[in-house]
Structures are given as structure tokens and as C-alpha cells.
Amino acid sequence: MKRILISGLLILLMPSTHASNEGKTMFETLCMSCHATSGPPTVAPPVFGIKNHVLRAYPKREDFINYIVQWVKQPDASRALMPGAVRRFGVMPALAYPEDQVRKVAEFLYDSNLRMPRWYQQHYEQEHGKPYRDH
């Protein structure tokens, strides 16, 4: 009985594959047209850079997710974690996406193991004047 209870609790605490897939699909639908997953950025910062900067400032999962949700709802240059991206692309427009969808995207970003593009390390060093270090 104990074993079943512990197994059930572990299943509840594990991220749902369905939720992860749903977040990935929502990211692809809502975000990918601007936020590249490969190649240098053209209209907005790349998703890897976003995750990297937000994770450095908000390493706890819920804080990370809350920052993304709030940022998408109400972007504000004074709260930007990527001032170089704001200079290059401007502040993104506020988006009226349902909060639950943005939350799923943020959960997907936090939980996913995004690979650093080859060009990103050099970009980071040029932008920040110091070598890239993983958090």
C-alpha cells in the first residue's frame, strides 16, 4: 500500500508529457514566428537566449514561469532582462494570449533542454563583453 501511494505521489509530481507537448505546440504556434529556435535572430531574440537570461535571473521554476507570463502580458523595457535585445528589436508588443496558454509555454521552456546554437556563444561574448558561462 505504501509503495502504491508513493508511486502515485511521484507520478503527480512529475511533469506531464501531455502538458509538455501542449506547451511545445503552443510555443510553436504562438512564439516561433518571431523567436527563432535555430539560426541568428532576425525580428526578436532567440528562444535559447530568452531562457538563458530569464533562468539566470529567476532560477526557481515558478519564478521563471511567472516572469514569462507577466512579460508577455505587459512587456516593459524597465524590467527587460535583455537590454541588448531591446536596443536591437525594441520591446515586444503586449500580447493578449490566454494566461493558461502562456503559462504552458513558460513551463515548456523551463522544463525543456534547449540546445545552445553554435553562434550563440560568440554573440553572448560580443554583447556582454565576457565569455559565456552556463548558469
C-alpha atoms as a PDB file:
ATOM      1  CA  MET A   1       0.000   0.000   0.000  1.00  0.00           C
ATOM      2  CA  LYS A   2       2.841   2.386   0.897  1.00  0.00           C
ATOM      3  CA  ARG A   3       4.574   1.620  -2.388  1.00  0.00           C
ATOM      4  CA  ILE A   4       1.413   2.403  -4.383  1.00  0.00           C
ATOM      5  CA  LEU A   5       0.873   5.657  -2.501  1.00  0.00           C
ATOM      6  CA  ILE A   6       4.480   6.789  -3.054  1.00  0.00           C
ATOM      7  CA  SER A   7       4.352   5.791  -6.731  1.00  0.00           C
ATOM      8  CA  GLY A   8       1.110   7.710  -7.178  1.00  0.00           C
ATOM      9  CA  LEU A   9       2.598  10.776  -5.499  1.00  0.00           C
ATOM     10  CA  LEU A  10       5.693  10.645  -7.702  1.00  0.00           C
ATOM     11  CA  ILE A  11       3.539  10.447 -10.822  1.00  0.00           C
ATOM     12  CA  LEU A  12       1.619  13.528  -9.707  1.00  0.00           C
ATOM     13  CA  LEU A  13       4.822  15.481  -9.112  1.00  0.00           C
ATOM     14  CA  MET A  14       6.419  14.580 -12.438  1.00  0.00           C
ATOM     15  CA  PRO A  15       5.864  16.982 -15.332  1.00  0.00           C
ATOM     16  CA  SER A  16       3.138  15.701 -17.580  1.00  0.00           C
ATOM     17  CA  THR A  17       4.271  14.627 -21.029  1.00  0.00           C
ATOM     18  CA  HIS A  18       0.926  15.854 -22.346  1.00  0.00           C
ATOM     19  CA  ALA A  19       1.434  19.251 -20.704  1.00  0.00           C
ATOM     20  CA  SER A  20       4.965  19.420 -22.101  1.00  0.00           C
ATOM     21  CA  ASN A  21       3.761  18.528 -25.592  1.00  0.00           C
ATOM     22  CA  GLU A  22       0.946  21.040 -25.259  1.00  0.00           C
ATOM     23  CA  GLY A  23       3.418  23.749 -24.204  1.00  0.00           C
ATOM     24  CA  LYS A  24       5.701  22.894 -27.114  1.00  0.00           C
ATOM     25  CA  THR A  25       2.804  23.056 -29.563  1.00  0.00           C
ATOM     26  CA  MET A  26       1.690  26.391 -28.115  1.00  0.00           C
ATOM     27  CA  PHE A  27       5.250  27.728 -28.340  1.00  0.00           C
ATOM     28  CA  GLU A  28       5.420  26.681 -31.985  1.00  0.00           C
ATOM     29  CA  THR A  29       2.045  28.306 -32.698  1.00  0.00           C
ATOM     30  CA  LEU A  30       2.306  31.481 -30.616  1.00  0.00           C
ATOM     31  CA  CYS A  31       6.005  32.302 -30.376  1.00  0.00           C
ATOM     32  CA  MET A  32       8.152  30.689 -33.040  1.00  0.00           C
ATOM     33  CA  SER A  33       7.260  33.086 -35.828  1.00  0.00           C
ATOM     34  CA  CYS A  34       9.349  35.732 -34.012  1.00  0.00           C
ATOM     35  CA  HIS A  35      11.568  33.796 -31.591  1.00  0.00           C
ATOM     36  CA  ALA A  36      13.908  31.581 -33.603  1.00  0.00           C
ATOM     37  CA  THR A  37      14.975  28.184 -32.371  1.00  0.00           C
ATOM     38  CA  SER A  38      17.836  27.962 -34.856  1.00  0.00           C
ATOM     39  CA  GLY A  39      19.932  30.436 -36.758  1.00  0.00           C
ATOM     40  CA  PRO A  40      20.689  34.004 -35.754  1.00  0.00           C
ATOM     41  CA  PRO A  41      17.729  36.164 -34.707  1.00  0.00           C
ATOM     42  CA  THR A  42      16.008  38.400 -37.237  1.00  0.00           C
ATOM     43  CA  VAL A  43      12.982  40.032 -35.544  1.00  0.00           C
ATOM     44  CA  ALA A  44      13.218  39.022 -31.867  1.00  0.00           C
ATOM     45  CA  PRO A  45      15.696  37.374 -29.509  1.00  0.00           C
ATOM     46  CA  PRO A  46      16.150  33.622 -29.938  1.00  0.00           C
ATOM     47  CA  VAL A  47      14.379  31.332 -27.521  1.00  0.00           C
ATOM     48  CA  PHE A  48      17.673  29.982 -26.144  1.00  0.00           C
ATOM     49  CA  GLY A  49      18.788  33.497 -25.230  1.00  0.00           C
ATOM     50  CA  ILE A  50      15.465  34.232 -23.549  1.00  0.00           C
ATOM     51  CA  LYS A  51      15.591  31.063 -21.496  1.00  0.00           C
ATOM     52  CA  ASN A  52      19.239  31.684 -20.589  1.00  0.00           C
ATOM     53  CA  HIS A  53      18.644  35.246 -19.362  1.00  0.00           C
ATOM     54  CA  VAL A  54      15.389  34.539 -17.514  1.00  0.00           C
ATOM     55  CA  LEU A  55      16.854  31.440 -15.879  1.00  0.00           C
ATOM     56  CA  ARG A  56      19.844  33.410 -14.609  1.00  0.00           C
ATOM     57  CA  ALA A  57      17.531  35.991 -13.019  1.00  0.00           C
ATOM     58  CA  TYR A  58      14.812  33.549 -11.922  1.00  0.00           C
ATOM     59  CA  PRO A  59      16.288  30.077 -11.354  1.00  0.00           C
ATOM     60  CA  LYS A  60      13.249  28.777  -9.443  1.00  0.00           C
ATOM     61  CA  ARG A  61      10.667  27.231 -11.757  1.00  0.00           C
ATOM     62  CA  GLU A  62       7.633  29.169 -10.523  1.00  0.00           C
ATOM     63  CA  ASP A  63       9.512  32.496 -10.566  1.00  0.00           C
ATOM     64  CA  PHE A  64      10.707  31.806 -14.118  1.00  0.00           C
ATOM     65  CA  ILE A  65       7.185  30.948 -15.258  1.00  0.00           C
ATOM     66  CA  ASN A  66       5.648  33.983 -13.537  1.00  0.00           C
ATOM     67  CA  TYR A  67       8.194  36.335 -15.133  1.00  0.00           C
ATOM     68  CA  ILE A  68       7.446  34.990 -18.629  1.00  0.00           C
ATOM     69  CA  VAL A  69       3.672  35.190 -18.082  1.00  0.00           C
ATOM     70  CA  GLN A  70       3.891  38.770 -16.810  1.00  0.00           C
ATOM     71  CA  TRP A  71       6.327  39.818 -19.534  1.00  0.00           C
ATOM     72  CA  VAL A  72       4.109  38.508 -22.346  1.00  0.00           C
ATOM     73  CA  LYS A  73       1.077  40.201 -20.827  1.00  0.00           C
ATOM     74  CA  GLN A  74       2.831  43.518 -20.203  1.00  0.00           C
ATOM     75  CA  PRO A  75       6.361  43.922 -21.608  1.00  0.00           C
ATOM     76  CA  ASP A  76       8.234  46.821 -20.065  1.00  0.00           C
ATOM     77  CA  ALA A  77      11.711  47.988 -21.075  1.00  0.00           C
ATOM     78  CA  SER A  78      12.494  48.883 -17.457  1.00  0.00           C
ATOM     79  CA  ARG A  79      12.050  45.198 -16.480  1.00  0.00           C
ATOM     80  CA  ALA A  80      13.849  43.774 -19.517  1.00  0.00           C
ATOM     81  CA  LEU A  81      16.487  41.152 -18.788  1.00  0.00           C
ATOM     82  CA  MET A  82      17.928  41.530 -22.284  1.00  0.00           C
ATOM     83  CA  PRO A  83      18.689  45.232 -22.826  1.00  0.00           C
ATOM     84  CA  GLY A  84      20.725  44.426 -25.938  1.00  0.00           C
ATOM     85  CA  ALA A  85      17.697  42.723 -27.469  1.00  0.00           C
ATOM     86  CA  VAL A  86      15.523  45.722 -26.580  1.00  0.00           C
ATOM     87  CA  ARG A  87      18.025  48.028 -28.314  1.00  0.00           C
ATOM     88  CA  ARG A  88      18.145  45.799 -31.372  1.00  0.00           C
ATOM     89  CA  PHE A  89      14.494  44.754 -31.710  1.00  0.00           C
ATOM     90  CA  GLY A  90      12.555  47.118 -29.458  1.00  0.00           C
ATOM     91  CA  VAL A  91      10.174  45.928 -26.751  1.00  0.00           C
ATOM     92  CA  MET A  92       7.812  43.224 -27.910  1.00  0.00           C
ATOM     93  CA  PRO A  93       4.150  44.185 -28.073  1.00  0.00           C
ATOM     94  CA  ALA A  94       1.843  43.160 -25.246  1.00  0.00           C
ATOM     95  CA  LEU A  95       0.051  40.008 -26.328  1.00  0.00           C
ATOM     96  CA  ALA A  96      -3.465  39.141 -25.241  1.00  0.00           C
ATOM     97  CA  TYR A  97      -2.896  35.394 -25.209  1.00  0.00           C
ATOM     98  CA  PRO A  98      -4.807  33.495 -22.524  1.00  0.00           C
ATOM     99  CA  GLU A  99      -2.656  33.242 -19.398  1.00  0.00           C
ATOM    100  CA  ASP A 100      -3.019  29.469 -19.187  1.00  0.00           C
ATOM    101  CA  GLN A 101      -1.502  29.120 -22.672  1.00  0.00           C
ATOM    102  CA  VAL A 102       1.414  31.425 -21.866  1.00  0.00           C
ATOM    103  CA  ARG A 103       1.953  29.515 -18.616  1.00  0.00           C
ATOM    104  CA  LYS A 104       2.166  26.232 -20.565  1.00  0.00           C
ATOM    105  CA  VAL A 105       4.686  27.781 -22.940  1.00  0.00           C
ATOM    106  CA  ALA A 106       6.746  29.049 -19.986  1.00  0.00           C
ATOM    107  CA  GLU A 107       6.593  25.623 -18.319  1.00  0.00           C
ATOM    108  CA  PHE A 108       7.750  24.012 -21.554  1.00  0.00           C
ATOM    109  CA  LEU A 109      10.646  26.480 -21.855  1.00  0.00           C
ATOM    110  CA  TYR A 110      11.742  25.911 -18.259  1.00  0.00           C
ATOM    111  CA  ASP A 111      11.452  22.129 -18.464  1.00  0.00           C
ATOM    112  CA  SER A 112      12.953  21.670 -21.916  1.00  0.00           C
ATOM    113  CA  ASN A 113      16.613  21.104 -22.587  1.00  0.00           C
ATOM    114  CA  LEU A 114      17.179  23.669 -25.304  1.00  0.00           C
ATOM    115  CA  ARG A 115      20.473  23.305 -27.100  1.00  0.00           C
ATOM    116  CA  MET A 116      22.695  26.326 -27.386  1.00  0.00           C
ATOM    117  CA  PRO A 117      23.113  27.229 -31.057  1.00  0.00           C
ATOM    118  CA  ARG A 118      26.713  27.329 -32.254  1.00  0.00           C
ATOM    119  CA  TRP A 119      26.565  31.062 -32.959  1.00  0.00           C
ATOM    120  CA  TYR A 120      25.179  31.984 -29.514  1.00  0.00           C
ATOM    121  CA  GLN A 121      28.405  31.778 -27.517  1.00  0.00           C
ATOM    122  CA  GLN A 122      30.149  34.289 -29.790  1.00  0.00           C
ATOM    123  CA  HIS A 123      27.051  36.520 -29.785  1.00  0.00           C
ATOM    124  CA  TYR A 124      26.913  36.436 -25.981  1.00  0.00           C
ATOM    125  CA  GLU A 125      30.579  37.357 -25.668  1.00  0.00           C
ATOM    126  CA  GLN A 126      30.173  40.277 -28.099  1.00  0.00           C
ATOM    127  CA  GLU A 127      27.007  41.511 -26.353  1.00  0.00           C
ATOM    128  CA  HIS A 128      28.233  41.142 -22.773  1.00  0.00           C
ATOM    129  CA  GLY A 129      31.977  41.611 -23.146  1.00  0.00           C
ATOM    130  CA  LYS A 130      32.698  38.391 -21.266  1.00  0.00           C
ATOM    131  CA  PRO A 131      32.769  34.663 -22.053  1.00  0.00           C
ATOM    132  CA  TYR A 132      29.519  32.738 -21.930  1.00  0.00           C
ATOM    133  CA  ARG A 133      29.157  30.592 -18.810  1.00  0.00           C
ATOM    134  CA  ASP A 134      26.315  28.186 -18.257  1.00  0.00           C
ATOM    135  CA  HIS A 135      24.356  29.149 -15.124  1.00  0.00           C
END
